Amino acid sequence: MSQSVLDRTADQVTESAQHASRATRAVADAIDEGVGVARRAVKQGGDAAEEFLNDTTKRLQRNPALTVIATFAVGLTAGVVIGWMMKRR
């Protein structure tokens, strides 16, 4: 009888170890999948930023006068706002 109890205990320990191994493998697979998703998202974001920068550069090169005027307007506006804020103090 004690032999059958030991056999059942050994079977339960083996079964528990297999369940733990499967659970650990599932967690590792989920982490790997998450890392893959994050890498793809970072790559897509970098590609989008690079495309935006290239488009902006081409647009600025096609319209240099408009670029100068827009830069002057932004600088003038920023100067007026900063001056107005300092005057209020």
N, C-alpha and C. Protein backbone atom coordinates (compact mmCIF):
# COMPACT_ATOMS: atom_id res chain seq x y z
N MET A 1 0.81 -1.19 0.00
CA MET A 1 0.00 0.00 0.00
C MET A 1 0.86 1.26 0.00
N SER A 2 1.93 1.26 0.77
CA SER A 2 2.80 2.42 0.79
C SER A 2 3.46 2.64 -0.56
N GLN A 3 3.67 1.57 -1.31
CA GLN A 3 4.24 1.72 -2.64
C GLN A 3 3.28 2.44 -3.58
N SER A 4 1.98 2.15 -3.47
CA SER A 4 1.01 2.80 -4.34
C SER A 4 0.87 4.29 -3.98
N VAL A 5 0.99 4.60 -2.69
CA VAL A 5 0.93 6.01 -2.27
C VAL A 5 2.14 6.75 -2.83
N LEU A 6 3.29 6.14 -2.78
CA LEU A 6 4.50 6.77 -3.34
C LEU A 6 4.37 6.92 -4.86
N ASP A 7 3.80 5.93 -5.51
CA ASP A 7 3.61 6.02 -6.96
C ASP A 7 2.65 7.15 -7.31
N ARG A 8 1.56 7.26 -6.58
CA ARG A 8 0.60 8.33 -6.85
C ARG A 8 1.22 9.69 -6.58
N THR A 9 2.00 9.79 -5.51
CA THR A 9 2.66 11.05 -5.20
C THR A 9 3.65 11.43 -6.30
N ALA A 10 4.41 10.46 -6.76
CA ALA A 10 5.37 10.71 -7.84
C ALA A 10 4.63 11.14 -9.11
N ASP A 11 3.51 10.50 -9.40
CA ASP A 11 2.72 10.87 -10.58
C ASP A 11 2.20 12.31 -10.47
N GLN A 12 1.72 12.65 -9.27
CA GLN A 12 1.20 14.01 -9.07
C GLN A 12 2.31 15.05 -9.18
N VAL A 13 3.48 14.74 -8.65
CA VAL A 13 4.61 15.67 -8.74
C VAL A 13 5.01 15.83 -10.20
N THR A 14 5.06 14.72 -10.95
CA THR A 14 5.40 14.78 -12.37
C THR A 14 4.38 15.60 -13.13
N GLU A 15 3.11 15.37 -12.85
CA GLU A 15 2.04 16.12 -13.52
C GLU A 15 2.10 17.61 -13.19
N SER A 16 2.37 17.93 -11.94
CA SER A 16 2.49 19.33 -11.53
C SER A 16 3.68 19.99 -12.22
N ALA A 17 4.78 19.29 -12.34
CA ALA A 17 5.95 19.83 -13.02
C ALA A 17 5.66 20.08 -14.49
N GLN A 18 4.90 19.18 -15.12
CA GLN A 18 4.53 19.37 -16.52
C GLN A 18 3.62 20.57 -16.69
N HIS A 19 2.67 20.75 -15.79
CA HIS A 19 1.79 21.92 -15.85
C HIS A 19 2.59 23.22 -15.67
N ALA A 20 3.52 23.20 -14.73
CA ALA A 20 4.34 24.39 -14.50
C ALA A 20 5.21 24.68 -15.73
N SER A 21 5.72 23.63 -16.35
CA SER A 21 6.54 23.81 -17.54
C SER A 21 5.72 24.40 -18.68
N ARG A 22 4.49 23.92 -18.87
CA ARG A 22 3.61 24.45 -19.91
C ARG A 22 3.26 25.91 -19.64
N ALA A 23 2.98 26.22 -18.39
CA ALA A 23 2.63 27.60 -18.04
C ALA A 23 3.82 28.53 -18.27
N THR A 24 5.01 28.08 -17.90
CA THR A 24 6.21 28.89 -18.11
C THR A 24 6.46 29.10 -19.60
N ARG A 25 6.26 28.05 -20.38
CA ARG A 25 6.44 28.14 -21.84
C ARG A 25 5.43 29.12 -22.44
N ALA A 26 4.20 29.09 -21.94
CA ALA A 26 3.17 30.01 -22.45
C ALA A 26 3.52 31.46 -22.12
N VAL A 27 4.01 31.69 -20.92
CA VAL A 27 4.41 33.05 -20.53
C VAL A 27 5.58 33.52 -21.39
N ALA A 28 6.55 32.64 -21.61
CA ALA A 28 7.70 33.00 -22.44
C ALA A 28 7.26 33.31 -23.87
N ASP A 29 6.34 32.53 -24.41
CA ASP A 29 5.82 32.79 -25.76
C ASP A 29 5.10 34.13 -25.82
N ALA A 30 4.32 34.45 -24.78
CA ALA A 30 3.61 35.72 -24.75
C ALA A 30 4.59 36.89 -24.69
N ILE A 31 5.65 36.75 -23.92
CA ILE A 31 6.65 37.80 -23.82
C ILE A 31 7.35 37.98 -25.17
N ASP A 32 7.72 36.87 -25.81
CA ASP A 32 8.36 36.95 -27.13
C ASP A 32 7.45 37.64 -28.14
N GLU A 33 6.17 37.31 -28.10
CA GLU A 33 5.22 37.93 -29.02
C GLU A 33 5.11 39.44 -28.74
N GLY A 34 5.08 39.81 -27.47
CA GLY A 34 5.02 41.22 -27.10
C GLY A 34 6.25 41.99 -27.56
N VAL A 35 7.41 41.37 -27.44
CA VAL A 35 8.65 42.01 -27.89
C VAL A 35 8.61 42.20 -29.40
N GLY A 36 8.10 41.19 -30.11
CA GLY A 36 7.99 41.31 -31.57
C GLY A 36 7.06 42.43 -31.98
N VAL A 37 5.94 42.55 -31.29
CA VAL A 37 4.98 43.62 -31.58
C VAL A 37 5.62 44.98 -31.30
N ALA A 38 6.33 45.09 -30.20
CA ALA A 38 6.98 46.37 -29.86
C ALA A 38 8.04 46.73 -30.89
N ARG A 39 8.81 45.75 -31.35
CA ARG A 39 9.84 46.03 -32.36
C ARG A 39 9.20 46.50 -33.66
N ARG A 40 8.12 45.85 -34.07
CA ARG A 40 7.44 46.27 -35.30
C ARG A 40 6.89 47.68 -35.16
N ALA A 41 6.33 48.00 -34.00
CA ALA A 41 5.77 49.33 -33.79
C ALA A 41 6.86 50.40 -33.83
N VAL A 42 8.00 50.12 -33.22
CA VAL A 42 9.11 51.07 -33.23
C VAL A 42 9.63 51.26 -34.65
N LYS A 43 9.75 50.16 -35.40
CA LYS A 43 10.23 50.26 -36.78
C LYS A 43 9.25 51.07 -37.63
N GLN A 44 7.95 50.82 -37.48
CA GLN A 44 6.96 51.58 -38.25
C GLN A 44 6.98 53.06 -37.87
N GLY A 45 7.14 53.35 -36.58
CA GLY A 45 7.22 54.74 -36.13
C GLY A 45 8.45 55.43 -36.69
N GLY A 46 9.58 54.74 -36.69
CA GLY A 46 10.80 55.32 -37.25
C GLY A 46 10.66 55.56 -38.75
N ASP A 47 10.04 54.61 -39.44
CA ASP A 47 9.84 54.78 -40.88
C ASP A 47 8.91 55.97 -41.16
N ALA A 48 7.86 56.11 -40.37
CA ALA A 48 6.93 57.23 -40.55
C ALA A 48 7.62 58.56 -40.28
N ALA A 49 8.45 58.62 -39.25
CA ALA A 49 9.17 59.86 -38.93
C ALA A 49 10.16 60.21 -40.05
N GLU A 50 10.84 59.20 -40.57
CA GLU A 50 11.79 59.45 -41.65
C GLU A 50 11.06 59.93 -42.91
N GLU A 51 9.93 59.34 -43.21
CA GLU A 51 9.14 59.76 -44.37
C GLU A 51 8.65 61.20 -44.20
N PHE A 52 8.19 61.53 -42.99
CA PHE A 52 7.73 62.89 -42.70
C PHE A 52 8.87 63.90 -42.88
N LEU A 53 10.04 63.55 -42.37
CA LEU A 53 11.20 64.44 -42.50
C LEU A 53 11.59 64.63 -43.96
N ASN A 54 11.59 63.55 -44.73
CA ASN A 54 11.93 63.66 -46.16
C ASN A 54 10.91 64.51 -46.90
N ASP A 55 9.62 64.30 -46.62
CA ASP A 55 8.58 65.11 -47.27
C ASP A 55 8.72 66.59 -46.92
N THR A 56 8.99 66.86 -45.66
CA THR A 56 9.15 68.24 -45.22
C THR A 56 10.36 68.89 -45.89
N THR A 57 11.46 68.15 -45.97
CA THR A 57 12.66 68.69 -46.61
C THR A 57 12.39 69.01 -48.08
N LYS A 58 11.72 68.12 -48.78
CA LYS A 58 11.40 68.36 -50.20
C LYS A 58 10.48 69.56 -50.36
N ARG A 59 9.49 69.67 -49.47
CA ARG A 59 8.55 70.79 -49.54
C ARG A 59 9.27 72.11 -49.28
N LEU A 60 10.20 72.13 -48.33
CA LEU A 60 10.96 73.35 -48.05
C LEU A 60 11.86 73.72 -49.22
N GLN A 61 12.43 72.72 -49.88
CA GLN A 61 13.32 73.00 -51.01
C GLN A 61 12.54 73.51 -52.22
N ARG A 62 11.29 73.07 -52.37
CA ARG A 62 10.48 73.53 -53.50
C ARG A 62 9.99 74.95 -53.32
N ASN A 63 9.80 75.40 -52.08
CA ASN A 63 9.24 76.73 -51.80
C ASN A 63 10.15 77.50 -50.84
N PRO A 64 11.33 77.92 -51.26
CA PRO A 64 12.24 78.60 -50.33
C PRO A 64 11.72 79.96 -49.87
N ALA A 65 11.04 80.71 -50.74
CA ALA A 65 10.53 82.03 -50.34
C ALA A 65 9.45 81.87 -49.27
N LEU A 66 8.57 80.92 -49.47
CA LEU A 66 7.51 80.68 -48.48
C LEU A 66 8.11 80.24 -47.15
N THR A 67 9.19 79.47 -47.21
CA THR A 67 9.86 79.01 -45.99
C THR A 67 10.43 80.20 -45.21
N VAL A 68 11.06 81.11 -45.92
CA VAL A 68 11.64 82.30 -45.26
C VAL A 68 10.53 83.15 -44.65
N ILE A 69 9.46 83.36 -45.39
CA ILE A 69 8.35 84.18 -44.89
C ILE A 69 7.71 83.53 -43.67
N ALA A 70 7.48 82.22 -43.73
CA ALA A 70 6.87 81.52 -42.59
C ALA A 70 7.78 81.57 -41.37
N THR A 71 9.08 81.39 -41.56
CA THR A 71 10.02 81.47 -40.45
C THR A 71 10.03 82.85 -39.83
N PHE A 72 10.02 83.88 -40.65
CA PHE A 72 9.98 85.26 -40.16
C PHE A 72 8.69 85.50 -39.37
N ALA A 73 7.55 85.02 -39.88
CA ALA A 73 6.27 85.22 -39.20
C ALA A 73 6.24 84.52 -37.84
N VAL A 74 6.75 83.30 -37.79
CA VAL A 74 6.79 82.56 -36.52
C VAL A 74 7.69 83.27 -35.53
N GLY A 75 8.86 83.72 -35.98
CA GLY A 75 9.78 84.44 -35.08
C GLY A 75 9.19 85.73 -34.58
N LEU A 76 8.55 86.48 -35.46
CA LEU A 76 7.91 87.74 -35.07
C LEU A 76 6.80 87.50 -34.05
N THR A 77 5.99 86.49 -34.32
CA THR A 77 4.89 86.16 -33.39
C THR A 77 5.43 85.74 -32.03
N ALA A 78 6.46 84.91 -32.04
CA ALA A 78 7.05 84.48 -30.76
C ALA A 78 7.64 85.67 -30.01
N GLY A 79 8.28 86.58 -30.72
CA GLY A 79 8.84 87.77 -30.07
C GLY A 79 7.76 88.65 -29.48
N VAL A 80 6.66 88.83 -30.20
CA VAL A 80 5.56 89.65 -29.68
C VAL A 80 4.95 89.00 -28.44
N VAL A 81 4.74 87.70 -28.50
CA VAL A 81 4.14 87.01 -27.34
C VAL A 81 5.07 87.08 -26.13
N ILE A 82 6.35 86.86 -26.33
CA ILE A 82 7.30 86.92 -25.21
C ILE A 82 7.36 88.35 -24.65
N GLY A 83 7.39 89.34 -25.53
CA GLY A 83 7.39 90.73 -25.07
C GLY A 83 6.13 91.09 -24.31
N TRP A 84 5.00 90.63 -24.79
CA TRP A 84 3.72 90.88 -24.12
C TRP A 84 3.69 90.23 -22.75
N MET A 85 4.23 88.99 -22.66
CA MET A 85 4.26 88.29 -21.36
C MET A 85 5.19 89.00 -20.37
N MET A 86 6.31 89.49 -20.85
CA MET A 86 7.25 90.19 -19.94
C MET A 86 6.68 91.53 -19.51
N LYS A 87 5.93 92.19 -20.38
CA LYS A 87 5.34 93.48 -20.05
C LYS A 87 4.27 93.33 -18.97
N ARG A 88 3.55 92.22 -18.99
CA ARG A 88 2.49 91.99 -18.01
C ARG A 88 3.05 91.81 -16.61
N ARG A 89 4.26 91.31 -16.49
CA ARG A 89 4.87 91.11 -15.17
C ARG A 89 5.33 92.42 -14.68
